[in-house]
Amino acid sequence: AWSTSHPHQPHVAWGTSVKISGTTR
């Protein structure tokens, strides 16, 4: 199994303009 972050749905930190992404190696 592996993790992915969907590129079309950025996750924005609430109340900021910071987009958060992540993955496992």
PDBML (XML) file of the C-alpha atoms, coordinates in Angstrom:
<?xml version="1.0" encoding="UTF-8" ?>
<PDBx:datablock datablockName="MODEL"
   xmlns:PDBx="http://pdbml.pdb.org/schema/pdbx-v50.xsd"
   xmlns:xsi="http://www.w3.org/2001/XMLSchema-instance"
   xsi:schemaLocation="http://pdbml.pdb.org/schema/pdbx-v50.xsd pdbx-v50.xsd">
   <PDBx:atom_siteCategory>
      <PDBx:atom_site id="1">
         <PDBx:B_iso_or_equiv>0.00</PDBx:B_iso_or_equiv>
         <PDBx:Cartn_x>0.000</PDBx:Cartn_x>
         <PDBx:Cartn_y>0.000</PDBx:Cartn_y>
         <PDBx:Cartn_z>0.000</PDBx:Cartn_z>
         <PDBx:auth_asym_id>A</PDBx:auth_asym_id>
         <PDBx:auth_atom_id>CA</PDBx:auth_atom_id>
         <PDBx:auth_comp_id>ALA</PDBx:auth_comp_id>
         <PDBx:auth_seq_id>1</PDBx:auth_seq_id>
         <PDBx:group_PDB>ATOM</PDBx:group_PDB>
         <PDBx:label_alt_id xsi:nil="true" />
         <PDBx:label_asym_id>A</PDBx:label_asym_id>
         <PDBx:label_atom_id>CA</PDBx:label_atom_id>
         <PDBx:label_comp_id>ALA</PDBx:label_comp_id>
         <PDBx:label_entity_id>1</PDBx:label_entity_id>
         <PDBx:label_seq_id>1</PDBx:label_seq_id>
         <PDBx:occupancy>1.00</PDBx:occupancy>
         <PDBx:pdbx_PDB_model_num>1</PDBx:pdbx_PDB_model_num>
         <PDBx:type_symbol>C</PDBx:type_symbol>
      </PDBx:atom_site>
      <PDBx:atom_site id="2">
         <PDBx:B_iso_or_equiv>0.00</PDBx:B_iso_or_equiv>
         <PDBx:Cartn_x>1.130</PDBx:Cartn_x>
         <PDBx:Cartn_y>3.571</PDBx:Cartn_y>
         <PDBx:Cartn_z>-0.475</PDBx:Cartn_z>
         <PDBx:auth_asym_id>A</PDBx:auth_asym_id>
         <PDBx:auth_atom_id>CA</PDBx:auth_atom_id>
         <PDBx:auth_comp_id>TRP</PDBx:auth_comp_id>
         <PDBx:auth_seq_id>2</PDBx:auth_seq_id>
         <PDBx:group_PDB>ATOM</PDBx:group_PDB>
         <PDBx:label_alt_id xsi:nil="true" />
         <PDBx:label_asym_id>A</PDBx:label_asym_id>
         <PDBx:label_atom_id>CA</PDBx:label_atom_id>
         <PDBx:label_comp_id>TRP</PDBx:label_comp_id>
         <PDBx:label_entity_id>1</PDBx:label_entity_id>
         <PDBx:label_seq_id>2</PDBx:label_seq_id>
         <PDBx:occupancy>1.00</PDBx:occupancy>
         <PDBx:pdbx_PDB_model_num>1</PDBx:pdbx_PDB_model_num>
         <PDBx:type_symbol>C</PDBx:type_symbol>
      </PDBx:atom_site>
      <PDBx:atom_site id="3">
         <PDBx:B_iso_or_equiv>0.00</PDBx:B_iso_or_equiv>
         <PDBx:Cartn_x>-0.160</PDBx:Cartn_x>
         <PDBx:Cartn_y>7.054</PDBx:Cartn_y>
         <PDBx:Cartn_z>0.042</PDBx:Cartn_z>
         <PDBx:auth_asym_id>A</PDBx:auth_asym_id>
         <PDBx:auth_atom_id>CA</PDBx:auth_atom_id>
         <PDBx:auth_comp_id>SER</PDBx:auth_comp_id>
         <PDBx:auth_seq_id>3</PDBx:auth_seq_id>
         <PDBx:group_PDB>ATOM</PDBx:group_PDB>
         <PDBx:label_alt_id xsi:nil="true" />
         <PDBx:label_asym_id>A</PDBx:label_asym_id>
         <PDBx:label_atom_id>CA</PDBx:label_atom_id>
         <PDBx:label_comp_id>SER</PDBx:label_comp_id>
         <PDBx:label_entity_id>1</PDBx:label_entity_id>
         <PDBx:label_seq_id>3</PDBx:label_seq_id>
         <PDBx:occupancy>1.00</PDBx:occupancy>
         <PDBx:pdbx_PDB_model_num>1</PDBx:pdbx_PDB_model_num>
         <PDBx:type_symbol>C</PDBx:type_symbol>
      </PDBx:atom_site>
      <PDBx:atom_site id="4">
         <PDBx:B_iso_or_equiv>0.00</PDBx:B_iso_or_equiv>
         <PDBx:Cartn_x>-0.802</PDBx:Cartn_x>
         <PDBx:Cartn_y>9.775</PDBx:Cartn_y>
         <PDBx:Cartn_z>-2.459</PDBx:Cartn_z>
         <PDBx:auth_asym_id>A</PDBx:auth_asym_id>
         <PDBx:auth_atom_id>CA</PDBx:auth_atom_id>
         <PDBx:auth_comp_id>THR</PDBx:auth_comp_id>
         <PDBx:auth_seq_id>4</PDBx:auth_seq_id>
         <PDBx:group_PDB>ATOM</PDBx:group_PDB>
         <PDBx:label_alt_id xsi:nil="true" />
         <PDBx:label_asym_id>A</PDBx:label_asym_id>
         <PDBx:label_atom_id>CA</PDBx:label_atom_id>
         <PDBx:label_comp_id>THR</PDBx:label_comp_id>
         <PDBx:label_entity_id>1</PDBx:label_entity_id>
         <PDBx:label_seq_id>4</PDBx:label_seq_id>
         <PDBx:occupancy>1.00</PDBx:occupancy>
         <PDBx:pdbx_PDB_model_num>1</PDBx:pdbx_PDB_model_num>
         <PDBx:type_symbol>C</PDBx:type_symbol>
      </PDBx:atom_site>
      <PDBx:atom_site id="5">
         <PDBx:B_iso_or_equiv>0.00</PDBx:B_iso_or_equiv>
         <PDBx:Cartn_x>-1.967</PDBx:Cartn_x>
         <PDBx:Cartn_y>13.328</PDBx:Cartn_y>
         <PDBx:Cartn_z>-2.299</PDBx:Cartn_z>
         <PDBx:auth_asym_id>A</PDBx:auth_asym_id>
         <PDBx:auth_atom_id>CA</PDBx:auth_atom_id>
         <PDBx:auth_comp_id>SER</PDBx:auth_comp_id>
         <PDBx:auth_seq_id>5</PDBx:auth_seq_id>
         <PDBx:group_PDB>ATOM</PDBx:group_PDB>
         <PDBx:label_alt_id xsi:nil="true" />
         <PDBx:label_asym_id>A</PDBx:label_asym_id>
         <PDBx:label_atom_id>CA</PDBx:label_atom_id>
         <PDBx:label_comp_id>SER</PDBx:label_comp_id>
         <PDBx:label_entity_id>1</PDBx:label_entity_id>
         <PDBx:label_seq_id>5</PDBx:label_seq_id>
         <PDBx:occupancy>1.00</PDBx:occupancy>
         <PDBx:pdbx_PDB_model_num>1</PDBx:pdbx_PDB_model_num>
         <PDBx:type_symbol>C</PDBx:type_symbol>
      </PDBx:atom_site>
      <PDBx:atom_site id="6">
         <PDBx:B_iso_or_equiv>0.00</PDBx:B_iso_or_equiv>
         <PDBx:Cartn_x>-4.525</PDBx:Cartn_x>
         <PDBx:Cartn_y>14.282</PDBx:Cartn_y>
         <PDBx:Cartn_z>-4.935</PDBx:Cartn_z>
         <PDBx:auth_asym_id>A</PDBx:auth_asym_id>
         <PDBx:auth_atom_id>CA</PDBx:auth_atom_id>
         <PDBx:auth_comp_id>HIS</PDBx:auth_comp_id>
         <PDBx:auth_seq_id>6</PDBx:auth_seq_id>
         <PDBx:group_PDB>ATOM</PDBx:group_PDB>
         <PDBx:label_alt_id xsi:nil="true" />
         <PDBx:label_asym_id>A</PDBx:label_asym_id>
         <PDBx:label_atom_id>CA</PDBx:label_atom_id>
         <PDBx:label_comp_id>HIS</PDBx:label_comp_id>
         <PDBx:label_entity_id>1</PDBx:label_entity_id>
         <PDBx:label_seq_id>6</PDBx:label_seq_id>
         <PDBx:occupancy>1.00</PDBx:occupancy>
         <PDBx:pdbx_PDB_model_num>1</PDBx:pdbx_PDB_model_num>
         <PDBx:type_symbol>C</PDBx:type_symbol>
      </PDBx:atom_site>
      <PDBx:atom_site id="7">
         <PDBx:B_iso_or_equiv>0.00</PDBx:B_iso_or_equiv>
         <PDBx:Cartn_x>-2.976</PDBx:Cartn_x>
         <PDBx:Cartn_y>17.127</PDBx:Cartn_y>
         <PDBx:Cartn_z>-6.977</PDBx:Cartn_z>
         <PDBx:auth_asym_id>A</PDBx:auth_asym_id>
         <PDBx:auth_atom_id>CA</PDBx:auth_atom_id>
         <PDBx:auth_comp_id>PRO</PDBx:auth_comp_id>
         <PDBx:auth_seq_id>7</PDBx:auth_seq_id>
         <PDBx:group_PDB>ATOM</PDBx:group_PDB>
         <PDBx:label_alt_id xsi:nil="true" />
         <PDBx:label_asym_id>A</PDBx:label_asym_id>
         <PDBx:label_atom_id>CA</PDBx:label_atom_id>
         <PDBx:label_comp_id>PRO</PDBx:label_comp_id>
         <PDBx:label_entity_id>1</PDBx:label_entity_id>
         <PDBx:label_seq_id>7</PDBx:label_seq_id>
         <PDBx:occupancy>1.00</PDBx:occupancy>
         <PDBx:pdbx_PDB_model_num>1</PDBx:pdbx_PDB_model_num>
         <PDBx:type_symbol>C</PDBx:type_symbol>
      </PDBx:atom_site>
      <PDBx:atom_site id="8">
         <PDBx:B_iso_or_equiv>0.00</PDBx:B_iso_or_equiv>
         <PDBx:Cartn_x>-6.326</PDBx:Cartn_x>
         <PDBx:Cartn_y>18.728</PDBx:Cartn_y>
         <PDBx:Cartn_z>-7.837</PDBx:Cartn_z>
         <PDBx:auth_asym_id>A</PDBx:auth_asym_id>
         <PDBx:auth_atom_id>CA</PDBx:auth_atom_id>
         <PDBx:auth_comp_id>HIS</PDBx:auth_comp_id>
         <PDBx:auth_seq_id>8</PDBx:auth_seq_id>
         <PDBx:group_PDB>ATOM</PDBx:group_PDB>
         <PDBx:label_alt_id xsi:nil="true" />
         <PDBx:label_asym_id>A</PDBx:label_asym_id>
         <PDBx:label_atom_id>CA</PDBx:label_atom_id>
         <PDBx:label_comp_id>HIS</PDBx:label_comp_id>
         <PDBx:label_entity_id>1</PDBx:label_entity_id>
         <PDBx:label_seq_id>8</PDBx:label_seq_id>
         <PDBx:occupancy>1.00</PDBx:occupancy>
         <PDBx:pdbx_PDB_model_num>1</PDBx:pdbx_PDB_model_num>
         <PDBx:type_symbol>C</PDBx:type_symbol>
      </PDBx:atom_site>
      <PDBx:atom_site id="9">
         <PDBx:B_iso_or_equiv>0.00</PDBx:B_iso_or_equiv>
         <PDBx:Cartn_x>-7.509</PDBx:Cartn_x>
         <PDBx:Cartn_y>19.158</PDBx:Cartn_y>
         <PDBx:Cartn_z>-4.271</PDBx:Cartn_z>
         <PDBx:auth_asym_id>A</PDBx:auth_asym_id>
         <PDBx:auth_atom_id>CA</PDBx:auth_atom_id>
         <PDBx:auth_comp_id>GLN</PDBx:auth_comp_id>
         <PDBx:auth_seq_id>9</PDBx:auth_seq_id>
         <PDBx:group_PDB>ATOM</PDBx:group_PDB>
         <PDBx:label_alt_id xsi:nil="true" />
         <PDBx:label_asym_id>A</PDBx:label_asym_id>
         <PDBx:label_atom_id>CA</PDBx:label_atom_id>
         <PDBx:label_comp_id>GLN</PDBx:label_comp_id>
         <PDBx:label_entity_id>1</PDBx:label_entity_id>
         <PDBx:label_seq_id>9</PDBx:label_seq_id>
         <PDBx:occupancy>1.00</PDBx:occupancy>
         <PDBx:pdbx_PDB_model_num>1</PDBx:pdbx_PDB_model_num>
         <PDBx:type_symbol>C</PDBx:type_symbol>
      </PDBx:atom_site>
      <PDBx:atom_site id="10">
         <PDBx:B_iso_or_equiv>0.00</PDBx:B_iso_or_equiv>
         <PDBx:Cartn_x>-4.927</PDBx:Cartn_x>
         <PDBx:Cartn_y>21.150</PDBx:Cartn_y>
         <PDBx:Cartn_z>-2.332</PDBx:Cartn_z>
         <PDBx:auth_asym_id>A</PDBx:auth_asym_id>
         <PDBx:auth_atom_id>CA</PDBx:auth_atom_id>
         <PDBx:auth_comp_id>PRO</PDBx:auth_comp_id>
         <PDBx:auth_seq_id>10</PDBx:auth_seq_id>
         <PDBx:group_PDB>ATOM</PDBx:group_PDB>
         <PDBx:label_alt_id xsi:nil="true" />
         <PDBx:label_asym_id>A</PDBx:label_asym_id>
         <PDBx:label_atom_id>CA</PDBx:label_atom_id>
         <PDBx:label_comp_id>PRO</PDBx:label_comp_id>
         <PDBx:label_entity_id>1</PDBx:label_entity_id>
         <PDBx:label_seq_id>10</PDBx:label_seq_id>
         <PDBx:occupancy>1.00</PDBx:occupancy>
         <PDBx:pdbx_PDB_model_num>1</PDBx:pdbx_PDB_model_num>
         <PDBx:type_symbol>C</PDBx:type_symbol>
      </PDBx:atom_site>
      <PDBx:atom_site id="11">
         <PDBx:B_iso_or_equiv>0.00</PDBx:B_iso_or_equiv>
         <PDBx:Cartn_x>-5.394</PDBx:Cartn_x>
         <PDBx:Cartn_y>21.075</PDBx:Cartn_y>
         <PDBx:Cartn_z>1.403</PDBx:Cartn_z>
         <PDBx:auth_asym_id>A</PDBx:auth_asym_id>
         <PDBx:auth_atom_id>CA</PDBx:auth_atom_id>
         <PDBx:auth_comp_id>HIS</PDBx:auth_comp_id>
         <PDBx:auth_seq_id>11</PDBx:auth_seq_id>
         <PDBx:group_PDB>ATOM</PDBx:group_PDB>
         <PDBx:label_alt_id xsi:nil="true" />
         <PDBx:label_asym_id>A</PDBx:label_asym_id>
         <PDBx:label_atom_id>CA</PDBx:label_atom_id>
         <PDBx:label_comp_id>HIS</PDBx:label_comp_id>
         <PDBx:label_entity_id>1</PDBx:label_entity_id>
         <PDBx:label_seq_id>11</PDBx:label_seq_id>
         <PDBx:occupancy>1.00</PDBx:occupancy>
         <PDBx:pdbx_PDB_model_num>1</PDBx:pdbx_PDB_model_num>
         <PDBx:type_symbol>C</PDBx:type_symbol>
      </PDBx:atom_site>
      <PDBx:atom_site id="12">
         <PDBx:B_iso_or_equiv>0.00</PDBx:B_iso_or_equiv>
         <PDBx:Cartn_x>-5.201</PDBx:Cartn_x>
         <PDBx:Cartn_y>24.591</PDBx:Cartn_y>
         <PDBx:Cartn_z>2.799</PDBx:Cartn_z>
         <PDBx:auth_asym_id>A</PDBx:auth_asym_id>
         <PDBx:auth_atom_id>CA</PDBx:auth_atom_id>
         <PDBx:auth_comp_id>VAL</PDBx:auth_comp_id>
         <PDBx:auth_seq_id>12</PDBx:auth_seq_id>
         <PDBx:group_PDB>ATOM</PDBx:group_PDB>
         <PDBx:label_alt_id xsi:nil="true" />
         <PDBx:label_asym_id>A</PDBx:label_asym_id>
         <PDBx:label_atom_id>CA</PDBx:label_atom_id>
         <PDBx:label_comp_id>VAL</PDBx:label_comp_id>
         <PDBx:label_entity_id>1</PDBx:label_entity_id>
         <PDBx:label_seq_id>12</PDBx:label_seq_id>
         <PDBx:occupancy>1.00</PDBx:occupancy>
         <PDBx:pdbx_PDB_model_num>1</PDBx:pdbx_PDB_model_num>
         <PDBx:type_symbol>C</PDBx:type_symbol>
      </PDBx:atom_site>
      <PDBx:atom_site id="13">
         <PDBx:B_iso_or_equiv>0.00</PDBx:B_iso_or_equiv>
         <PDBx:Cartn_x>-4.387</PDBx:Cartn_x>
         <PDBx:Cartn_y>25.297</PDBx:Cartn_y>
         <PDBx:Cartn_z>6.424</PDBx:Cartn_z>
         <PDBx:auth_asym_id>A</PDBx:auth_asym_id>
         <PDBx:auth_atom_id>CA</PDBx:auth_atom_id>
         <PDBx:auth_comp_id>ALA</PDBx:auth_comp_id>
         <PDBx:auth_seq_id>13</PDBx:auth_seq_id>
         <PDBx:group_PDB>ATOM</PDBx:group_PDB>
         <PDBx:label_alt_id xsi:nil="true" />
         <PDBx:label_asym_id>A</PDBx:label_asym_id>
         <PDBx:label_atom_id>CA</PDBx:label_atom_id>
         <PDBx:label_comp_id>ALA</PDBx:label_comp_id>
         <PDBx:label_entity_id>1</PDBx:label_entity_id>
         <PDBx:label_seq_id>13</PDBx:label_seq_id>
         <PDBx:occupancy>1.00</PDBx:occupancy>
         <PDBx:pdbx_PDB_model_num>1</PDBx:pdbx_PDB_model_num>
         <PDBx:type_symbol>C</PDBx:type_symbol>
      </PDBx:atom_site>
      <PDBx:atom_site id="14">
         <PDBx:B_iso_or_equiv>0.00</PDBx:B_iso_or_equiv>
         <PDBx:Cartn_x>-7.463</PDBx:Cartn_x>
         <PDBx:Cartn_y>26.947</PDBx:Cartn_y>
         <PDBx:Cartn_z>7.917</PDBx:Cartn_z>
         <PDBx:auth_asym_id>A</PDBx:auth_asym_id>
         <PDBx:auth_atom_id>CA</PDBx:auth_atom_id>
         <PDBx:auth_comp_id>TRP</PDBx:auth_comp_id>
         <PDBx:auth_seq_id>14</PDBx:auth_seq_id>
         <PDBx:group_PDB>ATOM</PDBx:group_PDB>
         <PDBx:label_alt_id xsi:nil="true" />
         <PDBx:label_asym_id>A</PDBx:label_asym_id>
         <PDBx:label_atom_id>CA</PDBx:label_atom_id>
         <PDBx:label_comp_id>TRP</PDBx:label_comp_id>
         <PDBx:label_entity_id>1</PDBx:label_entity_id>
         <PDBx:label_seq_id>14</PDBx:label_seq_id>
         <PDBx:occupancy>1.00</PDBx:occupancy>
         <PDBx:pdbx_PDB_model_num>1</PDBx:pdbx_PDB_model_num>
         <PDBx:type_symbol>C</PDBx:type_symbol>
      </PDBx:atom_site>
      <PDBx:atom_site id="15">
         <PDBx:B_iso_or_equiv>0.00</PDBx:B_iso_or_equiv>
         <PDBx:Cartn_x>-7.320</PDBx:Cartn_x>
         <PDBx:Cartn_y>30.729</PDBx:Cartn_y>
         <PDBx:Cartn_z>7.814</PDBx:Cartn_z>
         <PDBx:auth_asym_id>A</PDBx:auth_asym_id>
         <PDBx:auth_atom_id>CA</PDBx:auth_atom_id>
         <PDBx:auth_comp_id>GLY</PDBx:auth_comp_id>
         <PDBx:auth_seq_id>15</PDBx:auth_seq_id>
         <PDBx:group_PDB>ATOM</PDBx:group_PDB>
         <PDBx:label_alt_id xsi:nil="true" />
         <PDBx:label_asym_id>A</PDBx:label_asym_id>
         <PDBx:label_atom_id>CA</PDBx:label_atom_id>
         <PDBx:label_comp_id>GLY</PDBx:label_comp_id>
         <PDBx:label_entity_id>1</PDBx:label_entity_id>
         <PDBx:label_seq_id>15</PDBx:label_seq_id>
         <PDBx:occupancy>1.00</PDBx:occupancy>
         <PDBx:pdbx_PDB_model_num>1</PDBx:pdbx_PDB_model_num>
         <PDBx:type_symbol>C</PDBx:type_symbol>
      </PDBx:atom_site>
      <PDBx:atom_site id="16">
         <PDBx:B_iso_or_equiv>0.00</PDBx:B_iso_or_equiv>
         <PDBx:Cartn_x>-4.077</PDBx:Cartn_x>
         <PDBx:Cartn_y>30.816</PDBx:Cartn_y>
         <PDBx:Cartn_z>5.801</PDBx:Cartn_z>
         <PDBx:auth_asym_id>A</PDBx:auth_asym_id>
         <PDBx:auth_atom_id>CA</PDBx:auth_atom_id>
         <PDBx:auth_comp_id>THR</PDBx:auth_comp_id>
         <PDBx:auth_seq_id>16</PDBx:auth_seq_id>
         <PDBx:group_PDB>ATOM</PDBx:group_PDB>
         <PDBx:label_alt_id xsi:nil="true" />
         <PDBx:label_asym_id>A</PDBx:label_asym_id>
         <PDBx:label_atom_id>CA</PDBx:label_atom_id>
         <PDBx:label_comp_id>THR</PDBx:label_comp_id>
         <PDBx:label_entity_id>1</PDBx:label_entity_id>
         <PDBx:label_seq_id>16</PDBx:label_seq_id>
         <PDBx:occupancy>1.00</PDBx:occupancy>
         <PDBx:pdbx_PDB_model_num>1</PDBx:pdbx_PDB_model_num>
         <PDBx:type_symbol>C</PDBx:type_symbol>
      </PDBx:atom_site>
      <PDBx:atom_site id="17">
         <PDBx:B_iso_or_equiv>0.00</PDBx:B_iso_or_equiv>
         <PDBx:Cartn_x>-2.823</PDBx:Cartn_x>
         <PDBx:Cartn_y>30.619</PDBx:Cartn_y>
         <PDBx:Cartn_z>2.247</PDBx:Cartn_z>
         <PDBx:auth_asym_id>A</PDBx:auth_asym_id>
         <PDBx:auth_atom_id>CA</PDBx:auth_atom_id>
         <PDBx:auth_comp_id>SER</PDBx:auth_comp_id>
         <PDBx:auth_seq_id>17</PDBx:auth_seq_id>
         <PDBx:group_PDB>ATOM</PDBx:group_PDB>
         <PDBx:label_alt_id xsi:nil="true" />
         <PDBx:label_asym_id>A</PDBx:label_asym_id>
         <PDBx:label_atom_id>CA</PDBx:label_atom_id>
         <PDBx:label_comp_id>SER</PDBx:label_comp_id>
         <PDBx:label_entity_id>1</PDBx:label_entity_id>
         <PDBx:label_seq_id>17</PDBx:label_seq_id>
         <PDBx:occupancy>1.00</PDBx:occupancy>
         <PDBx:pdbx_PDB_model_num>1</PDBx:pdbx_PDB_model_num>
         <PDBx:type_symbol>C</PDBx:type_symbol>
      </PDBx:atom_site>
      <PDBx:atom_site id="18">
         <PDBx:B_iso_or_equiv>0.00</PDBx:B_iso_or_equiv>
         <PDBx:Cartn_x>-0.639</PDBx:Cartn_x>
         <PDBx:Cartn_y>27.578</PDBx:Cartn_y>
         <PDBx:Cartn_z>3.038</PDBx:Cartn_z>
         <PDBx:auth_asym_id>A</PDBx:auth_asym_id>
         <PDBx:auth_atom_id>CA</PDBx:auth_atom_id>
         <PDBx:auth_comp_id>VAL</PDBx:auth_comp_id>
         <PDBx:auth_seq_id>18</PDBx:auth_seq_id>
         <PDBx:group_PDB>ATOM</PDBx:group_PDB>
         <PDBx:label_alt_id xsi:nil="true" />
         <PDBx:label_asym_id>A</PDBx:label_asym_id>
         <PDBx:label_atom_id>CA</PDBx:label_atom_id>
         <PDBx:label_comp_id>VAL</PDBx:label_comp_id>
         <PDBx:label_entity_id>1</PDBx:label_entity_id>
         <PDBx:label_seq_id>18</PDBx:label_seq_id>
         <PDBx:occupancy>1.00</PDBx:occupancy>
         <PDBx:pdbx_PDB_model_num>1</PDBx:pdbx_PDB_model_num>
         <PDBx:type_symbol>C</PDBx:type_symbol>
      </PDBx:atom_site>
      <PDBx:atom_site id="19">
         <PDBx:B_iso_or_equiv>0.00</PDBx:B_iso_or_equiv>
         <PDBx:Cartn_x>-1.294</PDBx:Cartn_x>
         <PDBx:Cartn_y>24.480</PDBx:Cartn_y>
         <PDBx:Cartn_z>0.925</PDBx:Cartn_z>
         <PDBx:auth_asym_id>A</PDBx:auth_asym_id>
         <PDBx:auth_atom_id>CA</PDBx:auth_atom_id>
         <PDBx:auth_comp_id>LYS</PDBx:auth_comp_id>
         <PDBx:auth_seq_id>19</PDBx:auth_seq_id>
         <PDBx:group_PDB>ATOM</PDBx:group_PDB>
         <PDBx:label_alt_id xsi:nil="true" />
         <PDBx:label_asym_id>A</PDBx:label_asym_id>
         <PDBx:label_atom_id>CA</PDBx:label_atom_id>
         <PDBx:label_comp_id>LYS</PDBx:label_comp_id>
         <PDBx:label_entity_id>1</PDBx:label_entity_id>
         <PDBx:label_seq_id>19</PDBx:label_seq_id>
         <PDBx:occupancy>1.00</PDBx:occupancy>
         <PDBx:pdbx_PDB_model_num>1</PDBx:pdbx_PDB_model_num>
         <PDBx:type_symbol>C</PDBx:type_symbol>
      </PDBx:atom_site>
      <PDBx:atom_site id="20">
         <PDBx:B_iso_or_equiv>0.00</PDBx:B_iso_or_equiv>
         <PDBx:Cartn_x>-0.243</PDBx:Cartn_x>
         <PDBx:Cartn_y>21.200</PDBx:Cartn_y>
         <PDBx:Cartn_z>2.534</PDBx:Cartn_z>
         <PDBx:auth_asym_id>A</PDBx:auth_asym_id>
         <PDBx:auth_atom_id>CA</PDBx:auth_atom_id>
         <PDBx:auth_comp_id>ILE</PDBx:auth_comp_id>
         <PDBx:auth_seq_id>20</PDBx:auth_seq_id>
         <PDBx:group_PDB>ATOM</PDBx:group_PDB>
         <PDBx:label_alt_id xsi:nil="true" />
         <PDBx:label_asym_id>A</PDBx:label_asym_id>
         <PDBx:label_atom_id>CA</PDBx:label_atom_id>
         <PDBx:label_comp_id>ILE</PDBx:label_comp_id>
         <PDBx:label_entity_id>1</PDBx:label_entity_id>
         <PDBx:label_seq_id>20</PDBx:label_seq_id>
         <PDBx:occupancy>1.00</PDBx:occupancy>
         <PDBx:pdbx_PDB_model_num>1</PDBx:pdbx_PDB_model_num>
         <PDBx:type_symbol>C</PDBx:type_symbol>
      </PDBx:atom_site>
      <PDBx:atom_site id="21">
         <PDBx:B_iso_or_equiv>0.00</PDBx:B_iso_or_equiv>
         <PDBx:Cartn_x>0.773</PDBx:Cartn_x>
         <PDBx:Cartn_y>18.080</PDBx:Cartn_y>
         <PDBx:Cartn_z>0.646</PDBx:Cartn_z>
         <PDBx:auth_asym_id>A</PDBx:auth_asym_id>
         <PDBx:auth_atom_id>CA</PDBx:auth_atom_id>
         <PDBx:auth_comp_id>SER</PDBx:auth_comp_id>
         <PDBx:auth_seq_id>21</PDBx:auth_seq_id>
         <PDBx:group_PDB>ATOM</PDBx:group_PDB>
         <PDBx:label_alt_id xsi:nil="true" />
         <PDBx:label_asym_id>A</PDBx:label_asym_id>
         <PDBx:label_atom_id>CA</PDBx:label_atom_id>
         <PDBx:label_comp_id>SER</PDBx:label_comp_id>
         <PDBx:label_entity_id>1</PDBx:label_entity_id>
         <PDBx:label_seq_id>21</PDBx:label_seq_id>
         <PDBx:occupancy>1.00</PDBx:occupancy>
         <PDBx:pdbx_PDB_model_num>1</PDBx:pdbx_PDB_model_num>
         <PDBx:type_symbol>C</PDBx:type_symbol>
      </PDBx:atom_site>
      <PDBx:atom_site id="22">
         <PDBx:B_iso_or_equiv>0.00</PDBx:B_iso_or_equiv>
         <PDBx:Cartn_x>2.447</PDBx:Cartn_x>
         <PDBx:Cartn_y>14.874</PDBx:Cartn_y>
         <PDBx:Cartn_z>1.677</PDBx:Cartn_z>
         <PDBx:auth_asym_id>A</PDBx:auth_asym_id>
         <PDBx:auth_atom_id>CA</PDBx:auth_atom_id>
         <PDBx:auth_comp_id>GLY</PDBx:auth_comp_id>
         <PDBx:auth_seq_id>22</PDBx:auth_seq_id>
         <PDBx:group_PDB>ATOM</PDBx:group_PDB>
         <PDBx:label_alt_id xsi:nil="true" />
         <PDBx:label_asym_id>A</PDBx:label_asym_id>
         <PDBx:label_atom_id>CA</PDBx:label_atom_id>
         <PDBx:label_comp_id>GLY</PDBx:label_comp_id>
         <PDBx:label_entity_id>1</PDBx:label_entity_id>
         <PDBx:label_seq_id>22</PDBx:label_seq_id>
         <PDBx:occupancy>1.00</PDBx:occupancy>
         <PDBx:pdbx_PDB_model_num>1</PDBx:pdbx_PDB_model_num>
         <PDBx:type_symbol>C</PDBx:type_symbol>
      </PDBx:atom_site>
      <PDBx:atom_site id="23">
         <PDBx:B_iso_or_equiv>0.00</PDBx:B_iso_or_equiv>
         <PDBx:Cartn_x>3.523</PDBx:Cartn_x>
         <PDBx:Cartn_y>11.398</PDBx:Cartn_y>
         <PDBx:Cartn_z>0.763</PDBx:Cartn_z>
         <PDBx:auth_asym_id>A</PDBx:auth_asym_id>
         <PDBx:auth_atom_id>CA</PDBx:auth_atom_id>
         <PDBx:auth_comp_id>THR</PDBx:auth_comp_id>
         <PDBx:auth_seq_id>23</PDBx:auth_seq_id>
         <PDBx:group_PDB>ATOM</PDBx:group_PDB>
         <PDBx:label_alt_id xsi:nil="true" />
         <PDBx:label_asym_id>A</PDBx:label_asym_id>
         <PDBx:label_atom_id>CA</PDBx:label_atom_id>
         <PDBx:label_comp_id>THR</PDBx:label_comp_id>
         <PDBx:label_entity_id>1</PDBx:label_entity_id>
         <PDBx:label_seq_id>23</PDBx:label_seq_id>
         <PDBx:occupancy>1.00</PDBx:occupancy>
         <PDBx:pdbx_PDB_model_num>1</PDBx:pdbx_PDB_model_num>
         <PDBx:type_symbol>C</PDBx:type_symbol>
      </PDBx:atom_site>
      <PDBx:atom_site id="24">
         <PDBx:B_iso_or_equiv>0.00</PDBx:B_iso_or_equiv>
         <PDBx:Cartn_x>5.297</PDBx:Cartn_x>
         <PDBx:Cartn_y>8.384</PDBx:Cartn_y>
         <PDBx:Cartn_z>2.169</PDBx:Cartn_z>
         <PDBx:auth_asym_id>A</PDBx:auth_asym_id>
         <PDBx:auth_atom_id>CA</PDBx:auth_atom_id>
         <PDBx:auth_comp_id>THR</PDBx:auth_comp_id>
         <PDBx:auth_seq_id>24</PDBx:auth_seq_id>
         <PDBx:group_PDB>ATOM</PDBx:group_PDB>
         <PDBx:label_alt_id xsi:nil="true" />
         <PDBx:label_asym_id>A</PDBx:label_asym_id>
         <PDBx:label_atom_id>CA</PDBx:label_atom_id>
         <PDBx:label_comp_id>THR</PDBx:label_comp_id>
         <PDBx:label_entity_id>1</PDBx:label_entity_id>
         <PDBx:label_seq_id>24</PDBx:label_seq_id>
         <PDBx:occupancy>1.00</PDBx:occupancy>
         <PDBx:pdbx_PDB_model_num>1</PDBx:pdbx_PDB_model_num>
         <PDBx:type_symbol>C</PDBx:type_symbol>
      </PDBx:atom_site>
      <PDBx:atom_site id="25">
         <PDBx:B_iso_or_equiv>0.00</PDBx:B_iso_or_equiv>
         <PDBx:Cartn_x>8.490</PDBx:Cartn_x>
         <PDBx:Cartn_y>7.013</PDBx:Cartn_y>
         <PDBx:Cartn_z>0.655</PDBx:Cartn_z>
         <PDBx:auth_asym_id>A</PDBx:auth_asym_id>
         <PDBx:auth_atom_id>CA</PDBx:auth_atom_id>
         <PDBx:auth_comp_id>ARG</PDBx:auth_comp_id>
         <PDBx:auth_seq_id>25</PDBx:auth_seq_id>
         <PDBx:group_PDB>ATOM</PDBx:group_PDB>
         <PDBx:label_alt_id xsi:nil="true" />
         <PDBx:label_asym_id>A</PDBx:label_asym_id>
         <PDBx:label_atom_id>CA</PDBx:label_atom_id>
         <PDBx:label_comp_id>ARG</PDBx:label_comp_id>
         <PDBx:label_entity_id>1</PDBx:label_entity_id>
         <PDBx:label_seq_id>25</PDBx:label_seq_id>
         <PDBx:occupancy>1.00</PDBx:occupancy>
         <PDBx:pdbx_PDB_model_num>1</PDBx:pdbx_PDB_model_num>
         <PDBx:type_symbol>C</PDBx:type_symbol>
      </PDBx:atom_site>
   </PDBx:atom_siteCategory>
</PDBx:datablock>
